[in-house]
Amino acid sequence: MFITHMHFKGNCEEAIALYKEALEATVTEILYDDFDSSAREILHTEINIHGHRVMMNNRRDEESNANFPFAQFVIAFSRRSDLERAFDLMKDENLIVAPMRQTDFTACTVGFWDKFGIRWGFILQ
């Protein structure tokens, strides 16, 4: 499954509100960063825009030269071996920004920029 993932710098909730009003988007999932009670930030959300799954979040800690906001392409794999194979083929000349790991929303994920300057995220669905 091919998914667009939009990363915002603190204004993800504002974007969700706009997309709900303008595009009739619906929120299907939302997780908040509860580590800092003074700043309730979106850790991960998924919305549906005209039948398409879109992931969004506020990104605060990316160690790259990315300008925010930016979009990445996400591939949701059904088998971990396929995810690892694709990553092994693409990782030679890229910057890994989120090493392969388990998170609150997937058993396996990895994020990286490829040699062409495209941001990718692989997840296990």
Protein backbone atom coordinates (compact mmCIF):
# COMPACT_ATOMS: atom_id res chain seq x y z
CA MET A 1 0.00 0.00 0.00
CA PHE A 2 1.33 3.44 -0.98
CA ILE A 3 0.67 6.25 1.51
CA THR A 4 1.50 9.97 1.60
CA HIS A 5 2.87 11.17 4.97
CA MET A 6 2.97 14.90 5.70
CA HIS A 7 5.29 16.24 8.40
CA PHE A 8 4.47 19.59 9.99
CA LYS A 9 6.40 21.81 12.36
CA GLY A 10 3.87 22.30 15.13
CA ASN A 11 0.74 23.12 13.12
CA CYS A 12 -0.60 19.67 12.26
CA GLU A 13 -3.91 20.24 14.08
CA GLU A 14 -4.49 23.42 12.08
CA ALA A 15 -3.85 21.48 8.85
CA ILE A 16 -6.29 18.75 9.90
CA ALA A 17 -8.99 21.34 10.57
CA LEU A 18 -8.44 22.92 7.15
CA TYR A 19 -8.47 19.57 5.31
CA LYS A 20 -11.63 18.53 7.16
CA GLU A 21 -13.41 21.70 6.11
CA ALA A 22 -12.05 22.11 2.59
CA LEU A 23 -11.66 18.48 1.51
CA GLU A 24 -14.22 16.76 3.75
CA ALA A 25 -11.39 14.71 5.23
CA THR A 26 -12.16 12.42 8.15
CA VAL A 27 -9.79 11.57 11.00
CA THR A 28 -9.43 7.80 11.36
CA GLU A 29 -6.71 7.72 14.04
CA ILE A 30 -4.88 10.20 16.24
CA LEU A 31 -2.10 9.75 18.83
CA TYR A 32 -0.80 12.60 20.97
CA ASP A 33 2.68 13.00 22.41
CA ASP A 34 2.02 12.73 26.14
CA PHE A 35 5.67 13.11 27.14
CA ASP A 36 5.29 16.85 27.71
CA SER A 37 1.97 17.79 29.28
CA SER A 38 2.49 21.49 28.52
CA ALA A 39 2.61 20.92 24.75
CA ARG A 40 0.04 18.51 23.36
CA GLU A 41 1.52 17.65 19.98
CA ILE A 42 0.32 15.16 17.39
CA LEU A 43 2.66 12.18 17.36
CA HIS A 44 0.75 10.38 14.59
CA THR A 45 -2.59 10.81 12.86
CA GLU A 46 -4.29 9.30 9.86
CA ILE A 47 -6.97 10.99 7.82
CA ASN A 48 -8.98 9.93 4.82
CA ILE A 49 -9.11 12.36 1.91
CA HIS A 50 -11.47 11.21 -0.85
CA GLY A 51 -10.74 7.55 -0.20
CA HIS A 52 -6.97 7.96 0.25
CA ARG A 53 -5.11 7.26 3.48
CA VAL A 54 -2.86 10.16 4.52
CA MET A 55 -0.54 10.13 7.56
CA MET A 56 0.36 13.36 9.34
CA ASN A 57 2.37 14.45 12.39
CA ASN A 58 4.31 17.23 14.05
CA ARG A 59 7.99 16.49 13.63
CA ARG A 60 10.26 18.06 16.19
CA ASP A 61 13.36 15.92 16.28
CA GLU A 62 14.41 15.06 12.74
CA GLU A 63 18.17 15.30 12.38
CA SER A 64 18.41 16.37 8.75
CA ASN A 65 18.40 19.48 6.67
CA ALA A 66 14.72 19.07 5.83
CA ASN A 67 12.60 22.16 5.47
CA PHE A 68 9.21 21.83 7.13
CA PRO A 69 6.61 21.02 6.15
CA PHE A 70 7.57 18.18 3.85
CA ALA A 71 5.90 15.06 2.51
CA GLN A 72 7.23 11.54 2.40
CA PHE A 73 6.08 8.41 0.66
CA VAL A 74 5.18 5.48 2.90
CA ILE A 75 5.00 1.88 1.83
CA ALA A 76 3.00 -0.42 4.10
CA PHE A 77 4.36 -3.95 3.77
CA SER A 78 2.49 -7.05 4.86
CA ARG A 79 5.69 -9.07 5.37
CA ARG A 80 8.73 -7.94 7.33
CA SER A 81 11.06 -9.76 4.92
CA ASP A 82 9.76 -7.62 2.02
CA LEU A 83 10.25 -4.44 4.06
CA GLU A 84 13.82 -5.41 4.98
CA ARG A 85 14.66 -6.42 1.39
CA ALA A 86 13.43 -3.10 -0.04
CA PHE A 87 15.27 -1.13 2.64
CA ASP A 88 18.50 -3.09 2.05
CA LEU A 89 18.32 -2.24 -1.66
CA MET A 90 17.62 1.46 -1.11
CA LYS A 91 19.81 2.26 1.91
CA ASP A 92 23.26 2.39 0.31
CA GLU A 93 23.31 6.09 -0.46
CA ASN A 94 20.82 7.63 1.91
CA LEU A 95 20.45 9.24 5.28
CA ILE A 96 18.61 7.10 7.80
CA VAL A 97 16.59 9.42 10.02
CA ALA A 98 14.51 6.84 11.89
CA PRO A 99 16.35 3.53 12.38
CA MET A 100 14.37 0.32 12.05
CA ARG A 101 12.32 -0.19 15.23
CA GLN A 102 8.92 -0.94 16.75
CA THR A 103 6.59 1.97 17.61
CA ASP A 104 3.15 2.53 19.12
CA PHE A 105 1.51 2.19 15.70
CA THR A 106 3.54 -0.54 13.93
CA ALA A 107 5.67 -3.57 14.70
CA CYS A 108 8.41 -2.31 12.36
CA THR A 109 9.22 1.03 10.78
CA VAL A 110 12.20 2.78 9.22
CA GLY A 111 12.55 6.26 7.73
CA PHE A 112 15.20 7.57 5.37
CA TRP A 113 16.09 9.94 2.54
CA ASP A 114 17.20 8.21 -0.65
CA LYS A 115 20.05 9.27 -2.92
CA PHE A 116 17.58 11.26 -5.03
CA GLY A 117 16.41 13.39 -2.07
CA ILE A 118 13.08 11.60 -1.59
CA ARG A 119 11.90 10.92 1.99
CA TRP A 120 10.65 7.33 2.49
CA GLY A 121 8.99 5.54 5.37
CA PHE A 122 8.49 1.79 5.45
CA ILE A 123 6.02 0.26 7.92
CA LEU A 124 4.78 -3.23 8.65
CA GLN A 125 0.99 -3.39 8.38
